[in-house]
């Protein structure tokens, strides 16, 4: 838990390579750690590694059960498809899941 907190703090401070190292260390010990996968996906997205971030989010979706985290994953996947990969249909699919999970519709307004 301490390592995950450190990784999250590093990510929030945009110390992304360090955050990525911490998330990857967690995943070496426990490859099915959904919160670490979510955090790694965020760090990869921020670093412009969109395809790898999507792969990481897909892994997290398979493992995650917490509604809040599922919402965040779908929102972030929607953003990648919408803004970086120019795939509006996939973006809409993830935004739809985000809203179904109780996401804030105001976050989707331009």
C-alpha atoms as a PDB file:
ATOM      1  CA  UNK A   1       0.000   0.000   0.000  1.00  0.00           C
ATOM      2  CA  UNK A   2       2.853   2.397   0.799  1.00  0.00           C
ATOM      3  CA  UNK A   3       4.482   1.769  -2.571  1.00  0.00           C
ATOM      4  CA  UNK A   4       1.175   2.381  -4.366  1.00  0.00           C
ATOM      5  CA  UNK A   5       0.717   5.649  -2.453  1.00  0.00           C
ATOM      6  CA  UNK A   6       4.241   6.715  -3.394  1.00  0.00           C
ATOM      7  CA  UNK A   7       3.631   5.860  -7.053  1.00  0.00           C
ATOM      8  CA  UNK A   8       0.369   7.821  -7.044  1.00  0.00           C
ATOM      9  CA  UNK A   9       2.074  10.845  -5.488  1.00  0.00           C
ATOM     10  CA  UNK A  10       4.874  10.686  -8.049  1.00  0.00           C
ATOM     11  CA  UNK A  11       2.322  10.509 -10.854  1.00  0.00           C
ATOM     12  CA  UNK A  12       0.395  13.480  -9.489  1.00  0.00           C
ATOM     13  CA  UNK A  13       3.661  15.429  -9.324  1.00  0.00           C
ATOM     14  CA  UNK A  14       4.324  14.493 -12.977  1.00  0.00           C
ATOM     15  CA  UNK A  15       7.419  12.528 -12.017  1.00  0.00           C
ATOM     16  CA  UNK A  16       6.150   9.964 -14.471  1.00  0.00           C
ATOM     17  CA  UNK A  17       9.191   7.764 -15.078  1.00  0.00           C
ATOM     18  CA  UNK A  18       9.623   7.321 -11.325  1.00  0.00           C
ATOM     19  CA  UNK A  19       5.902   6.613 -10.909  1.00  0.00           C
ATOM     20  CA  UNK A  20       6.048   4.077 -13.723  1.00  0.00           C
ATOM     21  CA  UNK A  21       8.982   2.317 -12.034  1.00  0.00           C
ATOM     22  CA  UNK A  22       7.035   2.077  -8.768  1.00  0.00           C
ATOM     23  CA  UNK A  23       3.894   0.720 -10.453  1.00  0.00           C
ATOM     24  CA  UNK A  24       5.980  -1.811 -12.367  1.00  0.00           C
ATOM     25  CA  UNK A  25       7.699  -2.912  -9.134  1.00  0.00           C
ATOM     26  CA  UNK A  26       4.295  -3.569  -7.565  1.00  0.00           C
ATOM     27  CA  UNK A  27       3.218  -5.530 -10.635  1.00  0.00           C
ATOM     28  CA  UNK A  28       6.387  -7.657 -10.580  1.00  0.00           C
ATOM     29  CA  UNK A  29       5.339  -8.850  -7.128  1.00  0.00           C
ATOM     30  CA  UNK A  30       1.621  -9.070  -7.882  1.00  0.00           C
ATOM     31  CA  UNK A  31       0.736  -8.980 -11.577  1.00  0.00           C
ATOM     32  CA  UNK A  32      -2.989  -8.835 -10.878  1.00  0.00           C
ATOM     33  CA  UNK A  33      -2.863  -5.672  -8.744  1.00  0.00           C
ATOM     34  CA  UNK A  34      -5.656  -3.657 -10.419  1.00  0.00           C
ATOM     35  CA  UNK A  35      -4.932  -0.300  -8.684  1.00  0.00           C
ATOM     36  CA  UNK A  36      -1.293  -0.483  -9.823  1.00  0.00           C
ATOM     37  CA  UNK A  37      -2.450  -1.260 -13.361  1.00  0.00           C
ATOM     38  CA  UNK A  38      -4.770   1.735 -13.248  1.00  0.00           C
ATOM     39  CA  UNK A  39      -1.956   3.979 -12.013  1.00  0.00           C
ATOM     40  CA  UNK A  40       0.439   2.629 -14.613  1.00  0.00           C
ATOM     41  CA  UNK A  41      -2.135   3.320 -17.310  1.00  0.00           C
ATOM     42  CA  UNK A  42      -2.410   6.932 -16.148  1.00  0.00           C
ATOM     43  CA  UNK A  43       1.378   7.361 -16.141  1.00  0.00           C
ATOM     44  CA  UNK A  44       1.668   5.831 -19.614  1.00  0.00           C
ATOM     45  CA  UNK A  45      -1.127   8.061 -20.929  1.00  0.00           C
ATOM     46  CA  UNK A  46       0.579  11.141 -19.517  1.00  0.00           C
ATOM     47  CA  UNK A  47       3.822  10.040 -21.179  1.00  0.00           C
ATOM     48  CA  UNK A  48       2.091   9.756 -24.551  1.00  0.00           C
ATOM     49  CA  UNK A  49       2.235   5.958 -24.714  1.00  0.00           C
ATOM     50  CA  UNK A  50      -1.417   5.620 -25.634  1.00  0.00           C
ATOM     51  CA  UNK A  51      -1.530   2.093 -27.045  1.00  0.00           C
ATOM     52  CA  UNK A  52       0.400   0.704 -24.069  1.00  0.00           C
ATOM     53  CA  UNK A  53      -1.871   2.662 -21.713  1.00  0.00           C
ATOM     54  CA  UNK A  54      -4.939   1.113 -23.372  1.00  0.00           C
ATOM     55  CA  UNK A  55      -3.453  -2.381 -23.005  1.00  0.00           C
ATOM     56  CA  UNK A  56      -2.812  -1.689 -19.330  1.00  0.00           C
ATOM     57  CA  UNK A  57      -6.335  -0.349 -18.805  1.00  0.00           C
ATOM     58  CA  UNK A  58      -7.755  -3.469 -20.504  1.00  0.00           C
ATOM     59  CA  UNK A  59      -5.866  -5.644 -18.007  1.00  0.00           C
ATOM     60  CA  UNK A  60      -7.199  -3.533 -15.144  1.00  0.00           C
ATOM     61  CA  UNK A  61     -10.771  -3.827 -16.430  1.00  0.00           C
ATOM     62  CA  UNK A  62     -10.529  -7.613 -16.250  1.00  0.00           C
ATOM     63  CA  UNK A  63      -9.384  -7.497 -12.627  1.00  0.00           C
ATOM     64  CA  UNK A  64     -11.062  -4.472 -11.093  1.00  0.00           C
ATOM     65  CA  UNK A  65     -14.335  -4.720  -9.192  1.00  0.00           C
ATOM     66  CA  UNK A  66     -14.489  -1.328  -7.461  1.00  0.00           C
ATOM     67  CA  UNK A  67     -17.033   0.875  -9.235  1.00  0.00           C
ATOM     68  CA  UNK A  68     -15.030   4.079  -8.776  1.00  0.00           C
ATOM     69  CA  UNK A  69     -11.920   2.583 -10.367  1.00  0.00           C
ATOM     70  CA  UNK A  70     -13.922   1.107 -13.247  1.00  0.00           C
ATOM     71  CA  UNK A  71     -15.358   4.559 -13.857  1.00  0.00           C
ATOM     72  CA  UNK A  72     -11.863   6.096 -13.957  1.00  0.00           C
ATOM     73  CA  UNK A  73     -10.593   3.404 -16.329  1.00  0.00           C
ATOM     74  CA  UNK A  74     -13.457   3.903 -18.780  1.00  0.00           C
ATOM     75  CA  UNK A  75     -13.116   7.679 -18.633  1.00  0.00           C
ATOM     76  CA  UNK A  76      -9.374   7.516 -19.335  1.00  0.00           C
ATOM     77  CA  UNK A  77      -9.868   5.045 -22.174  1.00  0.00           C
ATOM     78  CA  UNK A  78     -12.498   7.348 -23.656  1.00  0.00           C
ATOM     79  CA  UNK A  79     -10.099  10.290 -23.472  1.00  0.00           C
ATOM     80  CA  UNK A  80      -7.367   8.348 -25.271  1.00  0.00           C
ATOM     81  CA  UNK A  81      -9.681   7.258 -28.054  1.00  0.00           C
ATOM     82  CA  UNK A  82     -11.287  10.696 -28.279  1.00  0.00           C
ATOM     83  CA  UNK A  83      -8.286  13.021 -28.155  1.00  0.00           C
ATOM     84  CA  UNK A  84      -5.272  10.967 -29.189  1.00  0.00           C
ATOM     85  CA  UNK A  85      -6.346   8.073 -31.409  1.00  0.00           C
ATOM     86  CA  UNK A  86      -9.234   9.791 -33.232  1.00  0.00           C
ATOM     87  CA  UNK A  87     -11.678   6.933 -32.726  1.00  0.00           C
ATOM     88  CA  UNK A  88     -14.972   8.558 -31.691  1.00  0.00           C
ATOM     89  CA  UNK A  89     -16.994   5.335 -31.673  1.00  0.00           C
ATOM     90  CA  UNK A  90     -14.661   3.647 -29.174  1.00  0.00           C
ATOM     91  CA  UNK A  91     -14.521   6.865 -27.155  1.00  0.00           C
ATOM     92  CA  UNK A  92     -18.323   6.951 -26.972  1.00  0.00           C
ATOM     93  CA  UNK A  93     -18.415   3.299 -25.905  1.00  0.00           C
ATOM     94  CA  UNK A  94     -16.154   4.018 -22.934  1.00  0.00           C
ATOM     95  CA  UNK A  95     -17.891   7.271 -22.074  1.00  0.00           C
ATOM     96  CA  UNK A  96     -21.182   5.351 -22.037  1.00  0.00           C
ATOM     97  CA  UNK A  97     -19.737   2.847 -19.522  1.00  0.00           C
ATOM     98  CA  UNK A  98     -18.356   5.761 -17.505  1.00  0.00           C
ATOM     99  CA  UNK A  99     -21.825   7.311 -17.251  1.00  0.00           C
ATOM    100  CA  UNK A 100     -23.498   3.951 -16.488  1.00  0.00           C
ATOM    101  CA  UNK A 101     -21.108   3.606 -13.539  1.00  0.00           C
ATOM    102  CA  UNK A 102     -22.217   6.972 -12.159  1.00  0.00           C
ATOM    103  CA  UNK A 103     -19.692   9.245 -13.844  1.00  0.00           C
ATOM    104  CA  UNK A 104     -20.259  12.992 -13.972  1.00  0.00           C
ATOM    105  CA  UNK A 105     -21.758  13.995 -17.353  1.00  0.00           C
ATOM    106  CA  UNK A 106     -20.256  17.505 -16.912  1.00  0.00           C
ATOM    107  CA  UNK A 107     -16.781  16.004 -17.400  1.00  0.00           C
ATOM    108  CA  UNK A 108     -17.801  15.004 -20.913  1.00  0.00           C
ATOM    109  CA  UNK A 109     -18.894  18.491 -21.973  1.00  0.00           C
ATOM    110  CA  UNK A 110     -16.540  20.484 -24.135  1.00  0.00           C
END
